[in-house]
Amino acid sequence: AFLRKEQTMEQDTAGLFDEPADYYPPSPPPTSQVY
């Protein structure tokens, strides 16, 4: 019974602590300069 309860809680909280895809700002793209 405890195991079933634990599995249910995991399903209910799935993704709760996952960082969204856009949580971190993307790295800026490479650039170039001319000398």
PDB file of all heavy atoms in Angstrom:
ATOM      1  N   ALA A   1       0.833  -1.203   0.000  1.00  0.00           N
ATOM      2  CA  ALA A   1       0.000   0.000   0.000  1.00  0.00           C
ATOM      3  C   ALA A   1       0.866   1.252   0.000  1.00  0.00           C
ATOM      4  O   ALA A   1       0.581   2.238  -0.685  1.00  0.00           O
ATOM      5  CB  ALA A   1      -0.917  -0.015   1.231  1.00  0.00           C
ATOM      6  N   PHE A   2       1.964   1.234   0.774  1.00  0.00           N
ATOM      7  CA  PHE A   2       2.884   2.376   0.838  1.00  0.00           C
ATOM      8  C   PHE A   2       3.549   2.625  -0.514  1.00  0.00           C
ATOM      9  O   PHE A   2       3.690   3.743  -0.967  1.00  0.00           O
ATOM     10  CB  PHE A   2       3.953   2.119   1.912  1.00  0.00           C
ATOM     11  CG  PHE A   2       4.919   3.257   2.080  1.00  0.00           C
ATOM     12  CD1 PHE A   2       4.556   4.399   2.783  1.00  0.00           C
ATOM     13  CD2 PHE A   2       6.186   3.191   1.522  1.00  0.00           C
ATOM     14  CE1 PHE A   2       5.443   5.442   2.934  1.00  0.00           C
ATOM     15  CE2 PHE A   2       7.075   4.229   1.671  1.00  0.00           C
ATOM     16  CZ  PHE A   2       6.700   5.363   2.386  1.00  0.00           C
ATOM     17  N   LEU A   3       3.928   1.514  -1.190  1.00  0.00           N
ATOM     18  CA  LEU A   3       4.570   1.627  -2.490  1.00  0.00           C
ATOM     19  C   LEU A   3       3.624   2.242  -3.505  1.00  0.00           C
ATOM     20  O   LEU A   3       4.012   3.108  -4.292  1.00  0.00           O
ATOM     21  CB  LEU A   3       5.032   0.248  -2.955  1.00  0.00           C
ATOM     22  CG  LEU A   3       5.738   0.194  -4.321  1.00  0.00           C
ATOM     23  CD1 LEU A   3       6.986   1.056  -4.320  1.00  0.00           C
ATOM     24  CD2 LEU A   3       6.100  -1.260  -4.677  1.00  0.00           C
ATOM     25  N   ARG A   4       2.321   1.814  -3.469  1.00  0.00           N
ATOM     26  CA  ARG A   4       1.342   2.369  -4.406  1.00  0.00           C
ATOM     27  C   ARG A   4       1.146   3.862  -4.160  1.00  0.00           C
ATOM     28  O   ARG A   4       1.056   4.664  -5.086  1.00  0.00           O
ATOM     29  CB  ARG A   4      -0.007   1.635  -4.249  1.00  0.00           C
ATOM     30  CG  ARG A   4      -0.006   0.231  -4.859  1.00  0.00           C
ATOM     31  CD  ARG A   4      -1.438  -0.264  -5.019  1.00  0.00           C
ATOM     32  NE  ARG A   4      -2.109  -0.387  -3.756  1.00  0.00           N
ATOM     33  CZ  ARG A   4      -2.056  -1.482  -2.982  1.00  0.00           C
ATOM     34  NH1 ARG A   4      -1.351  -2.535  -3.360  1.00  0.00           N
ATOM     35  NH2 ARG A   4      -2.715  -1.509  -1.834  1.00  0.00           N
ATOM     36  N   LYS A   5       1.149   4.266  -2.876  1.00  0.00           N
ATOM     37  CA  LYS A   5       0.989   5.676  -2.533  1.00  0.00           C
ATOM     38  C   LYS A   5       2.185   6.491  -3.033  1.00  0.00           C
ATOM     39  O   LYS A   5       2.045   7.594  -3.570  1.00  0.00           O
ATOM     40  CB  LYS A   5       0.827   5.831  -1.027  1.00  0.00           C
ATOM     41  CG  LYS A   5       0.589   7.276  -0.582  1.00  0.00           C
ATOM     42  CD  LYS A   5       0.390   7.348   0.917  1.00  0.00           C
ATOM     43  CE  LYS A   5       0.154   8.785   1.368  1.00  0.00           C
ATOM     44  NZ  LYS A   5      -0.013   8.881   2.834  1.00  0.00           N
ATOM     45  N   GLU A   6       3.380   5.899  -2.872  1.00  0.00           N
ATOM     46  CA  GLU A   6       4.607   6.586  -3.300  1.00  0.00           C
ATOM     47  C   GLU A   6       4.620   6.789  -4.805  1.00  0.00           C
ATOM     48  O   GLU A   6       4.985   7.847  -5.321  1.00  0.00           O
ATOM     49  CB  GLU A   6       5.830   5.760  -2.867  1.00  0.00           C
ATOM     50  CG  GLU A   6       7.079   6.571  -2.624  1.00  0.00           C
ATOM     51  CD  GLU A   6       8.188   5.731  -2.049  1.00  0.00           C
ATOM     52  OE1 GLU A   6       8.334   4.569  -2.473  1.00  0.00           O
ATOM     53  OE2 GLU A   6       8.899   6.238  -1.178  1.00  0.00           O
ATOM     54  N   GLN A   7       4.174   5.741  -5.543  1.00  0.00           N
ATOM     55  CA  GLN A   7       4.132   5.838  -6.999  1.00  0.00           C
ATOM     56  C   GLN A   7       3.130   6.888  -7.457  1.00  0.00           C
ATOM     57  O   GLN A   7       3.370   7.636  -8.393  1.00  0.00           O
ATOM     58  CB  GLN A   7       3.769   4.468  -7.592  1.00  0.00           C
ATOM     59  CG  GLN A   7       4.894   3.439  -7.446  1.00  0.00           C
ATOM     60  CD  GLN A   7       4.451   2.050  -7.869  1.00  0.00           C
ATOM     61  OE1 GLN A   7       3.251   1.741  -7.870  1.00  0.00           O
ATOM     62  NE2 GLN A   7       5.424   1.205  -8.213  1.00  0.00           N
ATOM     63  N   THR A   8       2.002   6.980  -6.740  1.00  0.00           N
ATOM     64  CA  THR A   8       0.977   7.976  -7.072  1.00  0.00           C
ATOM     65  C   THR A   8       1.520   9.385  -6.865  1.00  0.00           C
ATOM     66  O   THR A   8       1.310  10.285  -7.680  1.00  0.00           O
ATOM     67  CB  THR A   8      -0.293   7.763  -6.224  1.00  0.00           C
ATOM     68  OG1 THR A   8      -0.780   6.453  -6.463  1.00  0.00           O
ATOM     69  CG2 THR A   8      -1.363   8.788  -6.571  1.00  0.00           C
ATOM     70  N   MET A   9       2.252   9.591  -5.749  1.00  0.00           N
ATOM     71  CA  MET A   9       2.833  10.907  -5.460  1.00  0.00           C
ATOM     72  C   MET A   9       3.843  11.297  -6.517  1.00  0.00           C
ATOM     73  O   MET A   9       3.913  12.443  -6.936  1.00  0.00           O
ATOM     74  CB  MET A   9       3.506  10.904  -4.079  1.00  0.00           C
ATOM     75  CG  MET A   9       2.529  10.828  -2.922  1.00  0.00           C
ATOM     76  SD  MET A   9       3.386  10.737  -1.336  1.00  0.00           S
ATOM     77  CE  MET A   9       4.199  12.315  -1.295  1.00  0.00           C
ATOM     78  N   GLU A  10       4.647  10.300  -6.985  1.00  0.00           N
ATOM     79  CA  GLU A  10       5.638  10.592  -8.016  1.00  0.00           C
ATOM     80  C   GLU A  10       4.966  11.041  -9.301  1.00  0.00           C
ATOM     81  O   GLU A  10       5.431  11.951  -9.985  1.00  0.00           O
ATOM     82  CB  GLU A  10       6.507   9.361  -8.276  1.00  0.00           C
ATOM     83  CG  GLU A  10       7.491   9.060  -7.144  1.00  0.00           C
ATOM     84  CD  GLU A  10       8.268   7.778  -7.400  1.00  0.00           C
ATOM     85  OE1 GLU A  10       7.977   7.119  -8.431  1.00  0.00           O
ATOM     86  OE2 GLU A  10       9.131   7.440  -6.585  1.00  0.00           O
ATOM     87  N   GLN A  11       3.830  10.393  -9.636  1.00  0.00           N
ATOM     88  CA  GLN A  11       3.104  10.781 -10.842  1.00  0.00           C
ATOM     89  C   GLN A  11       2.519  12.180 -10.707  1.00  0.00           C
ATOM     90  O   GLN A  11       2.554  12.969 -11.636  1.00  0.00           O
ATOM     91  CB  GLN A  11       1.991   9.762 -11.124  1.00  0.00           C
ATOM     92  CG  GLN A  11       2.523   8.389 -11.522  1.00  0.00           C
ATOM     93  CD  GLN A  11       1.426   7.332 -11.555  1.00  0.00           C
ATOM     94  OE1 GLN A  11       0.266   7.638 -11.260  1.00  0.00           O
ATOM     95  NE2 GLN A  11       1.790   6.115 -11.907  1.00  0.00           N
ATOM     96  N   ASP A  12       1.978  12.482  -9.490  1.00  0.00           N
ATOM     97  CA  ASP A  12       1.360  13.785  -9.277  1.00  0.00           C
ATOM     98  C   ASP A  12       2.376  14.919  -9.334  1.00  0.00           C
ATOM     99  O   ASP A  12       2.045  16.039  -9.725  1.00  0.00           O
ATOM    100  CB  ASP A  12       0.632  13.815  -7.918  1.00  0.00           C
ATOM    101  CG  ASP A  12      -0.596  12.914  -7.906  1.00  0.00           C
ATOM    102  OD1 ASP A  12      -1.053  12.529  -9.010  1.00  0.00           O
ATOM    103  OD2 ASP A  12      -1.073  12.582  -6.803  1.00  0.00           O
ATOM    104  N   THR A  13       3.602  14.628  -8.896  1.00  0.00           N
ATOM    105  CA  THR A  13       4.636  15.683  -8.833  1.00  0.00           C
ATOM    106  C   THR A  13       5.620  15.601  -9.994  1.00  0.00           C
ATOM    107  O   THR A  13       6.604  16.322 -10.014  1.00  0.00           O
ATOM    108  CB  THR A  13       5.416  15.597  -7.507  1.00  0.00           C
ATOM    109  OG1 THR A  13       6.044  14.309  -7.433  1.00  0.00           O
ATOM    110  CG2 THR A  13       4.494  15.795  -6.318  1.00  0.00           C
ATOM    111  N   ALA A  14       5.354  14.707 -10.945  1.00  0.00           N
ATOM    112  CA  ALA A  14       6.276  14.558 -12.078  1.00  0.00           C
ATOM    113  C   ALA A  14       6.466  15.887 -12.785  1.00  0.00           C
ATOM    114  O   ALA A  14       5.505  16.556 -13.154  1.00  0.00           O
ATOM    115  CB  ALA A  14       5.731  13.519 -13.060  1.00  0.00           C
ATOM    116  N   GLY A  15       7.725  16.278 -12.946  1.00  0.00           N
ATOM    117  CA  GLY A  15       8.028  17.520 -13.638  1.00  0.00           C
ATOM    118  C   GLY A  15       7.967  18.750 -12.773  1.00  0.00           C
ATOM    119  O   GLY A  15       8.331  19.832 -13.207  1.00  0.00           O
ATOM    120  N   LEU A  16       7.509  18.589 -11.497  1.00  0.00           N
ATOM    121  CA  LEU A  16       7.354  19.756 -10.638  1.00  0.00           C
ATOM    122  C   LEU A  16       8.690  20.455 -10.406  1.00  0.00           C
ATOM    123  O   LEU A  16       8.775  21.674 -10.356  1.00  0.00           O
ATOM    124  CB  LEU A  16       6.731  19.354  -9.301  1.00  0.00           C
ATOM    125  CG  LEU A  16       6.497  20.474  -8.281  1.00  0.00           C
ATOM    126  CD1 LEU A  16       5.499  21.484  -8.853  1.00  0.00           C
ATOM    127  CD2 LEU A  16       5.998  19.911  -6.962  1.00  0.00           C
ATOM    128  N   PHE A  17       9.751  19.660 -10.250  1.00  0.00           N
ATOM    129  CA  PHE A  17      11.066  20.228  -9.958  1.00  0.00           C
ATOM    130  C   PHE A  17      11.975  20.274 -11.191  1.00  0.00           C
ATOM    131  O   PHE A  17      13.142  20.612 -11.097  1.00  0.00           O
ATOM    132  CB  PHE A  17      11.748  19.436  -8.841  1.00  0.00           C
ATOM    133  CG  PHE A  17      10.966  19.466  -7.554  1.00  0.00           C
ATOM    134  CD1 PHE A  17      10.257  18.359  -7.140  1.00  0.00           C
ATOM    135  CD2 PHE A  17      10.913  20.623  -6.787  1.00  0.00           C
ATOM    136  CE1 PHE A  17       9.530  18.391  -5.959  1.00  0.00           C
ATOM    137  CE2 PHE A  17      10.178  20.657  -5.607  1.00  0.00           C
ATOM    138  CZ  PHE A  17       9.475  19.542  -5.195  1.00  0.00           C
ATOM    139  N   ASP A  18      11.437  19.879 -12.342  1.00  0.00           N
ATOM    140  CA  ASP A  18      12.214  19.975 -13.578  1.00  0.00           C
ATOM    141  C   ASP A  18      12.275  21.426 -14.029  1.00  0.00           C
ATOM    142  O   ASP A  18      11.293  22.156 -13.930  1.00  0.00           O
ATOM    143  CB  ASP A  18      11.582  19.127 -14.690  1.00  0.00           C
ATOM    144  CG  ASP A  18      11.665  17.638 -14.399  1.00  0.00           C
ATOM    145  OD1 ASP A  18      12.463  17.275 -13.513  1.00  0.00           O
ATOM    146  OD2 ASP A  18      10.930  16.868 -15.041  1.00  0.00           O
ATOM    147  N   GLU A  19      13.460  21.830 -14.546  1.00  0.00           N
ATOM    148  CA  GLU A  19      13.596  23.186 -15.046  1.00  0.00           C
ATOM    149  C   GLU A  19      12.984  23.273 -16.437  1.00  0.00           C
ATOM    150  O   GLU A  19      13.205  22.386 -17.273  1.00  0.00           O
ATOM    151  CB  GLU A  19      15.073  23.582 -15.097  1.00  0.00           C
ATOM    152  CG  GLU A  19      15.692  23.677 -13.703  1.00  0.00           C
ATOM    153  CD  GLU A  19      17.199  23.635 -13.743  1.00  0.00           C
ATOM    154  OE1 GLU A  19      17.730  23.326 -14.822  1.00  0.00           O
ATOM    155  OE2 GLU A  19      17.842  23.897 -12.712  1.00  0.00           O
ATOM    156  N   PRO A  20      12.172  24.284 -16.713  1.00  0.00           N
ATOM    157  CA  PRO A  20      11.595  24.417 -18.045  1.00  0.00           C
ATOM    158  C   PRO A  20      12.677  24.596 -19.095  1.00  0.00           C
ATOM    159  O   PRO A  20      13.796  25.015 -18.793  1.00  0.00           O
ATOM    160  CB  PRO A  20      10.719  25.678 -17.935  1.00  0.00           C
ATOM    161  CG  PRO A  20      11.268  26.429 -16.773  1.00  0.00           C
ATOM    162  CD  PRO A  20      11.788  25.395 -15.820  1.00  0.00           C
ATOM    163  N   ALA A  21      12.329  24.268 -20.324  1.00  0.00           N
ATOM    164  CA  ALA A  21      13.323  24.295 -21.411  1.00  0.00           C
ATOM    165  C   ALA A  21      13.992  25.656 -21.552  1.00  0.00           C
ATOM    166  O   ALA A  21      15.139  25.760 -21.955  1.00  0.00           O
ATOM    167  CB  ALA A  21      12.655  23.890 -22.720  1.00  0.00           C
ATOM    168  N   ASP A  22      13.256  26.736 -21.233  1.00  0.00           N
ATOM    169  CA  ASP A  22      13.812  28.078 -21.395  1.00  0.00           C
ATOM    170  C   ASP A  22      14.234  28.699 -20.065  1.00  0.00           C
ATOM    171  O   ASP A  22      14.315  29.907 -19.930  1.00  0.00           O
ATOM    172  CB  ASP A  22      12.798  28.993 -22.086  1.00  0.00           C
ATOM    173  CG  ASP A  22      11.479  29.103 -21.301  1.00  0.00           C
ATOM    174  OD1 ASP A  22      11.316  28.340 -20.318  1.00  0.00           O
ATOM    175  OD2 ASP A  22      10.638  29.941 -21.664  1.00  0.00           O
ATOM    176  N   TYR A  23      14.498  27.817 -19.070  1.00  0.00           N
ATOM    177  CA  TYR A  23      14.870  28.327 -17.744  1.00  0.00           C
ATOM    178  C   TYR A  23      16.176  29.112 -17.804  1.00  0.00           C
ATOM    179  O   TYR A  23      16.298  30.181 -17.231  1.00  0.00           O
ATOM    180  CB  TYR A  23      15.009  27.156 -16.771  1.00  0.00           C
ATOM    181  CG  TYR A  23      15.346  27.578 -15.351  1.00  0.00           C
ATOM    182  CD1 TYR A  23      14.356  28.078 -14.507  1.00  0.00           C
ATOM    183  CD2 TYR A  23      16.643  27.478 -14.866  1.00  0.00           C
ATOM    184  CE1 TYR A  23      14.658  28.467 -13.212  1.00  0.00           C
ATOM    185  CE2 TYR A  23      16.951  27.865 -13.576  1.00  0.00           C
ATOM    186  CZ  TYR A  23      15.955  28.359 -12.760  1.00  0.00           C
ATOM    187  OH  TYR A  23      16.245  28.737 -11.476  1.00  0.00           O
ATOM    188  N   TYR A  24      17.173  28.545 -18.497  1.00  0.00           N
ATOM    189  CA  TYR A  24      18.441  29.243 -18.680  1.00  0.00           C
ATOM    190  C   TYR A  24      18.423  29.960 -20.021  1.00  0.00           C
ATOM    191  O   TYR A  24      17.972  29.399 -21.018  1.00  0.00           O
ATOM    192  CB  TYR A  24      19.616  28.257 -18.660  1.00  0.00           C
ATOM    193  CG  TYR A  24      19.855  27.632 -17.311  1.00  0.00           C
ATOM    194  CD1 TYR A  24      19.583  26.283 -17.094  1.00  0.00           C
ATOM    195  CD2 TYR A  24      20.355  28.384 -16.254  1.00  0.00           C
ATOM    196  CE1 TYR A  24      19.814  25.698 -15.856  1.00  0.00           C
ATOM    197  CE2 TYR A  24      20.580  27.811 -15.010  1.00  0.00           C
ATOM    198  CZ  TYR A  24      20.315  26.469 -14.818  1.00  0.00           C
ATOM    199  OH  TYR A  24      20.532  25.901 -13.598  1.00  0.00           O
ATOM    200  N   PRO A  25      18.924  31.197 -20.063  1.00  0.00           N
ATOM    201  CA  PRO A  25      18.952  31.888 -21.361  1.00  0.00           C
ATOM    202  C   PRO A  25      19.906  31.164 -22.296  1.00  0.00           C
ATOM    203  O   PRO A  25      20.922  30.630 -21.861  1.00  0.00           O
ATOM    204  CB  PRO A  25      19.484  33.288 -20.998  1.00  0.00           C
ATOM    205  CG  PRO A  25      20.210  33.108 -19.711  1.00  0.00           C
ATOM    206  CD  PRO A  25      19.487  32.015 -18.980  1.00  0.00           C
ATOM    207  N   PRO A  26      19.583  31.094 -23.575  1.00  0.00           N
ATOM    208  CA  PRO A  26      20.463  30.396 -24.511  1.00  0.00           C
ATOM    209  C   PRO A  26      21.806  31.116 -24.646  1.00  0.00           C
ATOM    210  O   PRO A  26      21.886  32.326 -24.487  1.00  0.00           O
ATOM    211  CB  PRO A  26      19.689  30.455 -25.831  1.00  0.00           C
ATOM    212  CG  PRO A  26      18.807  31.659 -25.693  1.00  0.00           C
ATOM    213  CD  PRO A  26      18.435  31.719 -24.242  1.00  0.00           C
ATOM    214  N   SER A  27      22.851  30.327 -24.902  1.00  0.00           N
ATOM    215  CA  SER A  27      24.160  30.935 -25.129  1.00  0.00           C
ATOM    216  C   SER A  27      24.095  31.778 -26.393  1.00  0.00           C
ATOM    217  O   SER A  27      23.468  31.381 -27.375  1.00  0.00           O
ATOM    218  CB  SER A  27      25.229  29.848 -25.294  1.00  0.00           C
ATOM    219  OG  SER A  27      25.391  29.123 -24.101  1.00  0.00           O
ATOM    220  N   PRO A  28      24.721  32.952 -26.378  1.00  0.00           N
ATOM    221  CA  PRO A  28      24.693  33.774 -27.589  1.00  0.00           C
ATOM    222  C   PRO A  28      25.397  33.048 -28.728  1.00  0.00           C
ATOM    223  O   PRO A  28      26.316  32.257 -28.495  1.00  0.00           O
ATOM    224  CB  PRO A  28      25.454  35.034 -27.165  1.00  0.00           C
ATOM    225  CG  PRO A  28      26.267  34.630 -25.989  1.00  0.00           C
ATOM    226  CD  PRO A  28      25.482  33.570 -25.293  1.00  0.00           C
ATOM    227  N   PRO A  29      24.972  33.286 -29.950  1.00  0.00           N
ATOM    228  CA  PRO A  29      25.592  32.597 -31.092  1.00  0.00           C
ATOM    229  C   PRO A  29      27.010  33.118 -31.337  1.00  0.00           C
ATOM    230  O   PRO A  29      27.357  34.224 -30.925  1.00  0.00           O
ATOM    231  CB  PRO A  29      24.670  32.974 -32.258  1.00  0.00           C
ATOM    232  CG  PRO A  29      24.086  34.296 -31.854  1.00  0.00           C
ATOM    233  CD  PRO A  29      23.908  34.211 -30.371  1.00  0.00           C
ATOM    234  N   PRO A  30      27.835  32.315 -31.997  1.00  0.00           N
ATOM    235  CA  PRO A  30      29.174  32.779 -32.357  1.00  0.00           C
ATOM    236  C   PRO A  30      29.080  34.035 -33.224  1.00  0.00           C
ATOM    237  O   PRO A  30      28.110  34.238 -33.944  1.00  0.00           O
ATOM    238  CB  PRO A  30      29.754  31.598 -33.144  1.00  0.00           C
ATOM    239  CG  PRO A  30      28.981  30.416 -32.681  1.00  0.00           C
ATOM    240  CD  PRO A  30      27.589  30.927 -32.416  1.00  0.00           C
ATOM    241  N   THR A  31      30.094  34.879 -33.129  1.00  0.00           N
ATOM    242  CA  THR A  31      30.133  36.104 -33.917  1.00  0.00           C
ATOM    243  C   THR A  31      31.450  36.160 -34.683  1.00  0.00           C
ATOM    244  O   THR A  31      32.294  35.269 -34.556  1.00  0.00           O
ATOM    245  CB  THR A  31      30.017  37.352 -33.022  1.00  0.00           C
ATOM    246  OG1 THR A  31      31.113  37.347 -32.086  1.00  0.00           O
ATOM    247  CG2 THR A  31      28.702  37.362 -32.255  1.00  0.00           C
ATOM    248  N   SER A  32      31.625  37.195 -35.458  1.00  0.00           N
ATOM    249  CA  SER A  32      32.894  37.393 -36.154  1.00  0.00           C
ATOM    250  C   SER A  32      33.212  38.878 -36.202  1.00  0.00           C
ATOM    251  O   SER A  32      32.309  39.721 -36.132  1.00  0.00           O
ATOM    252  CB  SER A  32      32.845  36.809 -37.574  1.00  0.00           C
ATOM    253  OG  SER A  32      31.885  37.499 -38.360  1.00  0.00           O
ATOM    254  N   GLN A  33      34.505  39.194 -36.278  1.00  0.00           N
ATOM    255  CA  GLN A  33      34.955  40.565 -36.429  1.00  0.00           C
ATOM    256  C   GLN A  33      36.035  40.603 -37.494  1.00  0.00           C
ATOM    257  O   GLN A  33      36.704  39.599 -37.763  1.00  0.00           O
ATOM    258  CB  GLN A  33      35.478  41.125 -35.103  1.00  0.00           C
ATOM    259  CG  GLN A  33      34.386  41.313 -34.062  1.00  0.00           C
ATOM    260  CD  GLN A  33      34.826  42.210 -32.921  1.00  0.00           C
ATOM    261  OE1 GLN A  33      35.674  43.088 -33.088  1.00  0.00           O
ATOM    262  NE2 GLN A  33      34.254  41.995 -31.751  1.00  0.00           N
ATOM    263  N   VAL A  34      36.203  41.779 -38.073  1.00  0.00           N
ATOM    264  CA  VAL A  34      37.168  41.940 -39.166  1.00  0.00           C
ATOM    265  C   VAL A  34      38.292  42.864 -38.716  1.00  0.00           C
ATOM    266  O   VAL A  34      38.044  43.932 -38.147  1.00  0.00           O
ATOM    267  CB  VAL A  34      36.485  42.501 -40.430  1.00  0.00           C
ATOM    268  CG1 VAL A  34      37.530  42.794 -41.510  1.00  0.00           C
ATOM    269  CG2 VAL A  34      35.442  41.525 -40.951  1.00  0.00           C
ATOM    270  N   TYR A  35      39.517  42.437 -38.948  1.00  0.00           N
ATOM    271  CA  TYR A  35      40.700  43.264 -38.681  1.00  0.00           C
ATOM    272  C   TYR A  35      41.304  43.643 -40.030  1.00  0.00           C
ATOM    273  O   TYR A  35      41.533  42.780 -40.884  1.00  0.00           O
ATOM    274  CB  TYR A  35      41.713  42.496 -37.847  1.00  0.00           C
ATOM    275  CG  TYR A  35      43.019  43.240 -37.623  1.00  0.00           C
ATOM    276  CD1 TYR A  35      43.141  44.163 -36.587  1.00  0.00           C
ATOM    277  CD2 TYR A  35      44.123  43.015 -38.446  1.00  0.00           C
ATOM    278  CE1 TYR A  35      44.339  44.847 -36.375  1.00  0.00           C
ATOM    279  CE2 TYR A  35      45.320  43.696 -38.239  1.00  0.00           C
ATOM    280  CZ  TYR A  35      45.421  44.610 -37.202  1.00  0.00           C
ATOM    281  OH  TYR A  35      46.596  45.284 -37.006  1.00  0.00           O
TER     282      TYR A  35
END
